[in-house]
Amino acid sequence: MSDSLPTIPVASAFADEVAQRVREVRDRIAAAHARGGHGQEVTLVAVTKTHGPEAVLAAHAAGVLDVGENRIQEAEQKRAALPDLPVRWHLIGHVQRNKAKSAVSFDLVHGLDSLRLAEALHDATQAASRTCDVLVQVNVSGEASKFGLPAAEVPAFAEQLRAFHSLRVRGVMTMAPFDAEEAMLRRVFAGARACAQDVRAAGHAADVLSMGMSGDFEIAIEEGATHVRLGTILFGAREG
């Protein structure tokens, strides 16, 4: 890896604003952890979708080492522009089976939600002679608009995943309903925490609980989140 960082121009005002927002968010993360939490460490994943490579650079300059992207093509463009930037890339959006070859190049795939996708990811990792860290995506709320397995199906699915030795099942990811009341948020996040226990019971490490976005990350942390996926609160409204 080169010692030099990319020379993509980043406006100082933008970088300063991101740094200030990161500091504020980290303070809120610490406060939420102090109020509740389950003794877990919390990783901030900066979601830079629709923002350019300068957002990734600004986040990295502010000390954020984990970057989340929803779309593989957009992520690949940024990774190509920032080949030597020492960050971990998270694929947090829905993964189509025909994109499995590209998906397994990410440090963590958050959206494993079917046996057919597991097979595709396994085949891609086998072909590349590598392993792939994945999270089981669960749909605790039951919203038709969201991807993910129903909570009741997680134990059997986790058992089936034992056959895919190139996939390392690191835990669970979920999304709560947008603008839900606190009681609903807590129910969803607690449900995801229970699903992570089911995954561990099947023999997987399951040390990651990815949940919480800009509007609800503090409650997610109180309910045990280890990874929070934040975009708007760090970078402002999405572009495009």
C-alpha atoms as a PDB file:
ATOM      1  CA  MET A   1       0.000   0.000   0.000  1.00  0.00           C
ATOM      2  CA  SER A   2       1.270   3.457  -0.874  1.00  0.00           C
ATOM      3  CA  ASP A   3       2.067   5.867   1.937  1.00  0.00           C
ATOM      4  CA  SER A   4       0.544   8.731  -0.001  1.00  0.00           C
ATOM      5  CA  LEU A   5      -3.161   9.482   0.123  1.00  0.00           C
ATOM      6  CA  PRO A   6      -5.259  10.477  -2.915  1.00  0.00           C
ATOM      7  CA  THR A   7      -5.053  14.061  -4.112  1.00  0.00           C
ATOM      8  CA  ILE A   8      -8.783  14.448  -4.735  1.00  0.00           C
ATOM      9  CA  PRO A   9      -9.642  18.018  -3.750  1.00  0.00           C
ATOM     10  CA  VAL A  10     -11.751  18.372  -0.625  1.00  0.00           C
ATOM     11  CA  ALA A  11     -13.077  21.812   0.269  1.00  0.00           C
ATOM     12  CA  SER A  12     -11.747  22.759   3.680  1.00  0.00           C
ATOM     13  CA  ALA A  13     -15.143  24.049   4.798  1.00  0.00           C
ATOM     14  CA  PHE A  14     -16.768  20.712   3.930  1.00  0.00           C
ATOM     15  CA  ALA A  15     -14.019  18.734   5.657  1.00  0.00           C
ATOM     16  CA  ASP A  16     -14.285  20.931   8.749  1.00  0.00           C
ATOM     17  CA  GLU A  17     -18.057  20.517   8.842  1.00  0.00           C
ATOM     18  CA  VAL A  18     -17.818  16.737   8.542  1.00  0.00           C
ATOM     19  CA  ALA A  19     -15.198  16.644  11.285  1.00  0.00           C
ATOM     20  CA  GLN A  20     -17.450  18.670  13.578  1.00  0.00           C
ATOM     21  CA  ARG A  21     -20.407  16.406  12.852  1.00  0.00           C
ATOM     22  CA  VAL A  22     -18.326  13.315  13.512  1.00  0.00           C
ATOM     23  CA  ARG A  23     -17.290  14.724  16.882  1.00  0.00           C
ATOM     24  CA  GLU A  24     -20.895  15.486  17.776  1.00  0.00           C
ATOM     25  CA  VAL A  25     -22.057  12.042  16.691  1.00  0.00           C
ATOM     26  CA  ARG A  26     -19.331  10.329  18.679  1.00  0.00           C
ATOM     27  CA  ASP A  27     -20.422  12.282  21.754  1.00  0.00           C
ATOM     28  CA  ARG A  28     -24.001  11.115  21.197  1.00  0.00           C
ATOM     29  CA  ILE A  29     -22.822   7.535  20.695  1.00  0.00           C
ATOM     30  CA  ALA A  30     -20.932   7.672  23.998  1.00  0.00           C
ATOM     31  CA  ALA A  31     -23.934   9.124  25.798  1.00  0.00           C
ATOM     32  CA  ALA A  32     -26.273   6.467  24.405  1.00  0.00           C
ATOM     33  CA  HIS A  33     -23.837   3.764  25.416  1.00  0.00           C
ATOM     34  CA  ALA A  34     -23.685   5.192  28.919  1.00  0.00           C
ATOM     35  CA  ARG A  35     -27.491   5.237  29.179  1.00  0.00           C
ATOM     36  CA  GLY A  36     -27.983   1.691  27.963  1.00  0.00           C
ATOM     37  CA  GLY A  37     -26.046  -0.577  25.716  1.00  0.00           C
ATOM     38  CA  HIS A  38     -24.868  -4.092  26.400  1.00  0.00           C
ATOM     39  CA  GLY A  39     -21.173  -3.543  26.989  1.00  0.00           C
ATOM     40  CA  GLN A  40     -20.494  -3.495  23.257  1.00  0.00           C
ATOM     41  CA  GLU A  41     -18.048  -1.375  21.305  1.00  0.00           C
ATOM     42  CA  VAL A  42     -19.757   0.779  18.686  1.00  0.00           C
ATOM     43  CA  THR A  43     -18.400   1.287  15.177  1.00  0.00           C
ATOM     44  CA  LEU A  44     -19.471   4.317  13.169  1.00  0.00           C
ATOM     45  CA  VAL A  45     -20.060   3.435   9.504  1.00  0.00           C
ATOM     46  CA  ALA A  46     -20.144   6.570   7.352  1.00  0.00           C
ATOM     47  CA  VAL A  47     -22.673   6.061   4.555  1.00  0.00           C
ATOM     48  CA  THR A  48     -21.530   8.131   1.587  1.00  0.00           C
ATOM     49  CA  LYS A  49     -24.080   7.078  -1.031  1.00  0.00           C
ATOM     50  CA  THR A  50     -24.790   9.799  -3.625  1.00  0.00           C
ATOM     51  CA  HIS A  51     -21.827  11.800  -2.301  1.00  0.00           C
ATOM     52  CA  GLY A  52     -18.501  11.759  -4.106  1.00  0.00           C
ATOM     53  CA  PRO A  53     -15.082  10.455  -3.038  1.00  0.00           C
ATOM     54  CA  GLU A  54     -14.479  13.711  -1.187  1.00  0.00           C
ATOM     55  CA  ALA A  55     -17.009  12.596   1.422  1.00  0.00           C
ATOM     56  CA  VAL A  56     -15.015   9.425   2.041  1.00  0.00           C
ATOM     57  CA  LEU A  57     -11.825  11.450   2.377  1.00  0.00           C
ATOM     58  CA  ALA A  58     -13.461  13.910   4.761  1.00  0.00           C
ATOM     59  CA  ALA A  59     -14.783  11.073   6.924  1.00  0.00           C
ATOM     60  CA  HIS A  60     -11.381   9.397   6.978  1.00  0.00           C
ATOM     61  CA  ALA A  61      -9.688  12.658   7.912  1.00  0.00           C
ATOM     62  CA  ALA A  62     -12.123  12.875  10.841  1.00  0.00           C
ATOM     63  CA  GLY A  63     -11.038   9.447  12.036  1.00  0.00           C
ATOM     64  CA  VAL A  64     -13.809   7.296  10.532  1.00  0.00           C
ATOM     65  CA  LEU A  65     -12.377   4.046   9.197  1.00  0.00           C
ATOM     66  CA  ASP A  66     -15.578   2.323   8.018  1.00  0.00           C
ATOM     67  CA  VAL A  67     -17.481   3.432   4.904  1.00  0.00           C
ATOM     68  CA  GLY A  68     -20.857   2.112   3.769  1.00  0.00           C
ATOM     69  CA  GLU A  69     -22.264   2.049   0.255  1.00  0.00           C
ATOM     70  CA  ASN A  70     -25.660   0.881  -1.002  1.00  0.00           C
ATOM     71  CA  ARG A  71     -24.818   0.389  -4.664  1.00  0.00           C
ATOM     72  CA  ILE A  72     -21.926  -1.705  -5.898  1.00  0.00           C
ATOM     73  CA  GLN A  73     -21.262   0.401  -9.001  1.00  0.00           C
ATOM     74  CA  GLU A  74     -21.045   3.626  -6.988  1.00  0.00           C
ATOM     75  CA  ALA A  75     -18.809   1.959  -4.441  1.00  0.00           C
ATOM     76  CA  GLU A  76     -16.496   0.604  -7.106  1.00  0.00           C
ATOM     77  CA  GLN A  77     -16.067   4.073  -8.584  1.00  0.00           C
ATOM     78  CA  LYS A  78     -15.060   5.473  -5.210  1.00  0.00           C
ATOM     79  CA  ARG A  79     -12.770   2.585  -4.424  1.00  0.00           C
ATOM     80  CA  ALA A  80     -11.060   3.040  -7.779  1.00  0.00           C
ATOM     81  CA  ALA A  81     -10.578   6.742  -7.018  1.00  0.00           C
ATOM     82  CA  LEU A  82      -9.251   5.976  -3.527  1.00  0.00           C
ATOM     83  CA  PRO A  83      -7.224   2.782  -3.957  1.00  0.00           C
ATOM     84  CA  ASP A  84      -4.821   3.400  -1.086  1.00  0.00           C
ATOM     85  CA  LEU A  85      -7.187   4.862   1.475  1.00  0.00           C
ATOM     86  CA  PRO A  86      -7.093   2.630   4.587  1.00  0.00           C
ATOM     87  CA  VAL A  87     -10.808   2.225   5.232  1.00  0.00           C
ATOM     88  CA  ARG A  88     -13.081  -0.807   5.511  1.00  0.00           C
ATOM     89  CA  TRP A  89     -15.789  -0.922   2.845  1.00  0.00           C
ATOM     90  CA  HIS A  90     -19.270  -2.103   3.844  1.00  0.00           C
ATOM     91  CA  LEU A  91     -21.917  -3.135   1.311  1.00  0.00           C
ATOM     92  CA  ILE A  92     -25.135  -2.207   3.096  1.00  0.00           C
ATOM     93  CA  GLY A  93     -27.703  -2.329   0.290  1.00  0.00           C
ATOM     94  CA  HIS A  94     -29.639  -5.216  -1.200  1.00  0.00           C
ATOM     95  CA  VAL A  95     -27.384  -7.612  -3.107  1.00  0.00           C
ATOM     96  CA  GLN A  96     -28.506  -9.217  -6.340  1.00  0.00           C
ATOM     97  CA  ARG A  97     -27.147 -12.691  -6.994  1.00  0.00           C
ATOM     98  CA  ASN A  98     -25.585 -11.640 -10.296  1.00  0.00           C
ATOM     99  CA  LYS A  99     -23.481  -9.103  -8.372  1.00  0.00           C
ATOM    100  CA  ALA A 100     -22.026 -11.687  -5.999  1.00  0.00           C
ATOM    101  CA  LYS A 101     -18.587 -11.631  -7.620  1.00  0.00           C
ATOM    102  CA  SER A 102     -18.283  -7.900  -6.909  1.00  0.00           C
ATOM    103  CA  ALA A 103     -19.942  -8.116  -3.500  1.00  0.00           C
ATOM    104  CA  VAL A 104     -17.393 -10.493  -2.020  1.00  0.00           C
ATOM    105  CA  SER A 105     -14.640  -7.906  -2.480  1.00  0.00           C
ATOM    106  CA  PHE A 106     -16.187  -5.811   0.318  1.00  0.00           C
ATOM    107  CA  ASP A 107     -14.977  -6.100   3.886  1.00  0.00           C
ATOM    108  CA  LEU A 108     -18.490  -6.776   5.174  1.00  0.00           C
ATOM    109  CA  VAL A 109     -21.697  -7.585   3.273  1.00  0.00           C
ATOM    110  CA  HIS A 110     -24.707  -6.540   5.375  1.00  0.00           C
ATOM    111  CA  GLY A 111     -27.541  -7.877   3.224  1.00  0.00           C
ATOM    112  CA  LEU A 112     -27.531 -11.689   3.195  1.00  0.00           C
ATOM    113  CA  ASP A 113     -31.217 -12.570   3.113  1.00  0.00           C
ATOM    114  CA  SER A 114     -31.675 -15.799   1.167  1.00  0.00           C
ATOM    115  CA  LEU A 115     -30.155 -19.210   0.647  1.00  0.00           C
ATOM    116  CA  ARG A 116     -29.782 -18.536  -3.083  1.00  0.00           C
ATOM    117  CA  LEU A 117     -27.725 -15.424  -2.340  1.00  0.00           C
ATOM    118  CA  ALA A 118     -25.620 -17.398   0.136  1.00  0.00           C
ATOM    119  CA  GLU A 119     -24.920 -19.941  -2.607  1.00  0.00           C
ATOM    120  CA  ALA A 120     -23.919 -17.208  -5.041  1.00  0.00           C
ATOM    121  CA  LEU A 121     -21.621 -15.515  -2.528  1.00  0.00           C
ATOM    122  CA  HIS A 122     -20.112 -18.867  -1.572  1.00  0.00           C
ATOM    123  CA  ASP A 123     -19.425 -19.735  -5.212  1.00  0.00           C
ATOM    124  CA  ALA A 124     -17.848 -16.325  -5.790  1.00  0.00           C
ATOM    125  CA  THR A 125     -15.604 -16.609  -2.755  1.00  0.00           C
ATOM    126  CA  GLN A 126     -14.578 -20.123  -3.721  1.00  0.00           C
ATOM    127  CA  ALA A 127     -13.671 -18.946  -7.219  1.00  0.00           C
ATOM    128  CA  ALA A 128     -11.629 -16.098  -5.763  1.00  0.00           C
ATOM    129  CA  SER A 129      -9.963 -18.320  -3.129  1.00  0.00           C
ATOM    130  CA  ARG A 130     -11.063 -16.046  -0.331  1.00  0.00           C
ATOM    131  CA  THR A 131     -13.610 -15.733   2.444  1.00  0.00           C
ATOM    132  CA  CYS A 132     -16.424 -13.224   2.824  1.00  0.00           C
ATOM    133  CA  ASP A 133     -17.772 -11.694   6.023  1.00  0.00           C
ATOM    134  CA  VAL A 134     -21.564 -11.421   5.948  1.00  0.00           C
ATOM    135  CA  LEU A 135     -24.491 -10.345   8.093  1.00  0.00           C
ATOM    136  CA  VAL A 136     -27.922 -11.943   8.000  1.00  0.00           C
ATOM    137  CA  GLN A 137     -30.465  -9.252   7.156  1.00  0.00           C
ATOM    138  CA  VAL A 138     -33.647  -9.606   9.195  1.00  0.00           C
ATOM    139  CA  ASN A 139     -36.969  -7.841   8.726  1.00  0.00           C
ATOM    140  CA  VAL A 140     -38.197  -7.689  12.301  1.00  0.00           C
ATOM    141  CA  SER A 141     -40.946  -5.149  11.588  1.00  0.00           C
ATOM    142  CA  GLY A 142     -42.471  -7.225   8.797  1.00  0.00           C
ATOM    143  CA  GLU A 143     -42.683  -4.259   6.415  1.00  0.00           C
ATOM    144  CA  ALA A 144     -43.318  -5.410   2.852  1.00  0.00           C
ATOM    145  CA  SER A 145     -41.055  -2.639   1.542  1.00  0.00           C
ATOM    146  CA  LYS A 146     -37.983  -3.989   3.350  1.00  0.00           C
ATOM    147  CA  PHE A 147     -35.708  -6.870   2.472  1.00  0.00           C
ATOM    148  CA  GLY A 148     -34.695  -9.415   5.051  1.00  0.00           C
ATOM    149  CA  LEU A 149     -35.747 -12.682   6.625  1.00  0.00           C
ATOM    150  CA  PRO A 150     -38.606 -12.847   9.105  1.00  0.00           C
ATOM    151  CA  ALA A 151     -37.208 -13.350  12.593  1.00  0.00           C
ATOM    152  CA  ALA A 152     -38.883 -16.756  12.882  1.00  0.00           C
ATOM    153  CA  GLU A 153     -36.839 -18.063   9.923  1.00  0.00           C
ATOM    154  CA  VAL A 154     -33.447 -17.007  11.265  1.00  0.00           C
ATOM    155  CA  PRO A 155     -32.597 -20.097  13.372  1.00  0.00           C
ATOM    156  CA  ALA A 156     -33.104 -22.531  10.473  1.00  0.00           C
ATOM    157  CA  PHE A 157     -31.343 -20.197   8.025  1.00  0.00           C
ATOM    158  CA  ALA A 158     -28.359 -19.862  10.348  1.00  0.00           C
ATOM    159  CA  GLU A 159     -28.114 -23.652  10.523  1.00  0.00           C
ATOM    160  CA  GLN A 160     -28.153 -23.875   6.712  1.00  0.00           C
ATOM    161  CA  LEU A 161     -25.336 -21.332   6.479  1.00  0.00           C
ATOM    162  CA  ARG A 162     -23.018 -23.724   8.303  1.00  0.00           C
ATOM    163  CA  ALA A 163     -22.569 -25.533   4.989  1.00  0.00           C
ATOM    164  CA  PHE A 164     -20.991 -22.486   3.324  1.00  0.00           C
ATOM    165  CA  HIS A 165     -17.502 -22.584   4.786  1.00  0.00           C
ATOM    166  CA  SER A 166     -16.200 -19.603   2.814  1.00  0.00           C
ATOM    167  CA  LEU A 167     -18.836 -17.317   4.364  1.00  0.00           C
ATOM    168  CA  ARG A 168     -18.089 -16.010   7.834  1.00  0.00           C
ATOM    169  CA  VAL A 169     -21.408 -15.124   9.430  1.00  0.00           C
ATOM    170  CA  ARG A 170     -20.538 -12.169  11.623  1.00  0.00           C
ATOM    171  CA  GLY A 171     -24.018 -11.311  12.886  1.00  0.00           C
ATOM    172  CA  VAL A 172     -27.238  -9.564  11.959  1.00  0.00           C
ATOM    173  CA  MET A 173     -28.401  -6.387  10.234  1.00  0.00           C
ATOM    174  CA  THR A 174     -31.817  -4.754  10.370  1.00  0.00           C
ATOM    175  CA  MET A 175     -33.625  -1.551   9.477  1.00  0.00           C
ATOM    176  CA  ALA A 176     -36.376  -0.043  11.596  1.00  0.00           C
ATOM    177  CA  PRO A 177     -39.484   1.627  10.154  1.00  0.00           C
ATOM    178  CA  PHE A 178     -38.900   5.241   9.178  1.00  0.00           C
ATOM    179  CA  ASP A 179     -40.153   7.733  11.781  1.00  0.00           C
ATOM    180  CA  ALA A 180     -41.413   4.964  14.061  1.00  0.00           C
ATOM    181  CA  GLU A 181     -42.313   5.654  17.670  1.00  0.00           C
ATOM    182  CA  GLU A 182     -39.711   4.783  20.294  1.00  0.00           C
ATOM    183  CA  ALA A 183     -41.618   1.700  21.458  1.00  0.00           C
ATOM    184  CA  MET A 184     -41.596   0.275  17.925  1.00  0.00           C
ATOM    185  CA  LEU A 185     -37.906   1.076  17.466  1.00  0.00           C
ATOM    186  CA  ARG A 186     -37.025  -0.721  20.656  1.00  0.00           C
ATOM    187  CA  ARG A 187     -39.116  -3.718  19.664  1.00  0.00           C
ATOM    188  CA  VAL A 188     -37.386  -3.967  16.295  1.00  0.00           C
ATOM    189  CA  PHE A 189     -33.890  -3.518  17.681  1.00  0.00           C
ATOM    190  CA  ALA A 190     -34.464  -5.939  20.552  1.00  0.00           C
ATOM    191  CA  GLY A 191     -35.832  -8.415  18.015  1.00  0.00           C
ATOM    192  CA  ALA A 192     -32.682  -8.122  15.931  1.00  0.00           C
ATOM    193  CA  ARG A 193     -30.586  -8.678  19.054  1.00  0.00           C
ATOM    194  CA  ALA A 194     -32.531 -11.882  19.684  1.00  0.00           C
ATOM    195  CA  CYS A 195     -31.885 -12.944  16.080  1.00  0.00           C
ATOM    196  CA  ALA A 196     -28.151 -12.458  16.639  1.00  0.00           C
ATOM    197  CA  GLN A 197     -28.430 -14.842  19.578  1.00  0.00           C
ATOM    198  CA  ASP A 198     -30.104 -17.363  17.264  1.00  0.00           C
ATOM    199  CA  VAL A 199     -27.216 -17.025  14.815  1.00  0.00           C
ATOM    200  CA  ARG A 200     -24.698 -17.586  17.609  1.00  0.00           C
ATOM    201  CA  ALA A 201     -26.641 -20.633  18.760  1.00  0.00           C
ATOM    202  CA  ALA A 202     -26.077 -22.117  15.284  1.00  0.00           C
ATOM    203  CA  GLY A 203     -22.333 -21.906  15.830  1.00  0.00           C
ATOM    204  CA  HIS A 204     -21.447 -18.638  14.115  1.00  0.00           C
ATOM    205  CA  ALA A 205     -19.425 -15.836  15.728  1.00  0.00           C
ATOM    206  CA  ALA A 206     -22.275 -13.307  15.335  1.00  0.00           C
ATOM    207  CA  ASP A 207     -20.468 -10.514  17.159  1.00  0.00           C
ATOM    208  CA  VAL A 208     -21.890  -7.768  14.906  1.00  0.00           C
ATOM    209  CA  LEU A 209     -25.307  -6.152  15.276  1.00  0.00           C
ATOM    210  CA  SER A 210     -25.711  -3.568  12.510  1.00  0.00           C
ATOM    211  CA  MET A 211     -28.707  -1.344  13.192  1.00  0.00           C
ATOM    212  CA  GLY A 212     -29.456   2.318  13.644  1.00  0.00           C
ATOM    213  CA  MET A 213     -29.382   5.166  11.147  1.00  0.00           C
ATOM    214  CA  SER A 214     -29.316   8.946  11.432  1.00  0.00           C
ATOM    215  CA  GLY A 215     -32.775   9.203  13.003  1.00  0.00           C
ATOM    216  CA  ASP A 216     -32.636   6.332  15.468  1.00  0.00           C
ATOM    217  CA  PHE A 217     -29.021   5.346  16.141  1.00  0.00           C
ATOM    218  CA  GLU A 218     -29.056   6.305  19.821  1.00  0.00           C
ATOM    219  CA  ILE A 219     -31.934   3.950  20.600  1.00  0.00           C
ATOM    220  CA  ALA A 220     -30.230   1.257  18.521  1.00  0.00           C
ATOM    221  CA  ILE A 221     -27.081   1.603  20.635  1.00  0.00           C
ATOM    222  CA  GLU A 222     -29.094   1.388  23.834  1.00  0.00           C
ATOM    223  CA  GLU A 223     -30.517  -1.872  22.458  1.00  0.00           C
ATOM    224  CA  GLY A 224     -27.097  -3.317  21.635  1.00  0.00           C
ATOM    225  CA  ALA A 225     -25.998  -2.065  18.201  1.00  0.00           C
ATOM    226  CA  THR A 226     -22.314  -2.609  17.460  1.00  0.00           C
ATOM    227  CA  HIS A 227     -22.423  -0.817  14.084  1.00  0.00           C
ATOM    228  CA  VAL A 228     -24.493   2.266  13.247  1.00  0.00           C
ATOM    229  CA  ARG A 229     -24.898   3.364   9.625  1.00  0.00           C
ATOM    230  CA  LEU A 230     -24.979   7.142   9.397  1.00  0.00           C
ATOM    231  CA  GLY A 231     -25.159   9.304   6.300  1.00  0.00           C
ATOM    232  CA  THR A 232     -27.362  12.390   6.397  1.00  0.00           C
ATOM    233  CA  ILE A 233     -26.288  13.396   9.890  1.00  0.00           C
ATOM    234  CA  LEU A 234     -22.656  13.449   8.732  1.00  0.00           C
ATOM    235  CA  PHE A 235     -22.854  14.718   5.158  1.00  0.00           C
ATOM    236  CA  GLY A 236     -26.191  16.484   4.846  1.00  0.00           C
ATOM    237  CA  ALA A 237     -28.968  15.703   2.394  1.00  0.00           C
ATOM    238  CA  ARG A 238     -28.257  13.207  -0.343  1.00  0.00           C
ATOM    239  CA  GLU A 239     -27.084  14.490  -3.682  1.00  0.00           C
ATOM    240  CA  GLY A 240     -28.967  13.487  -6.785  1.00  0.00           C
END
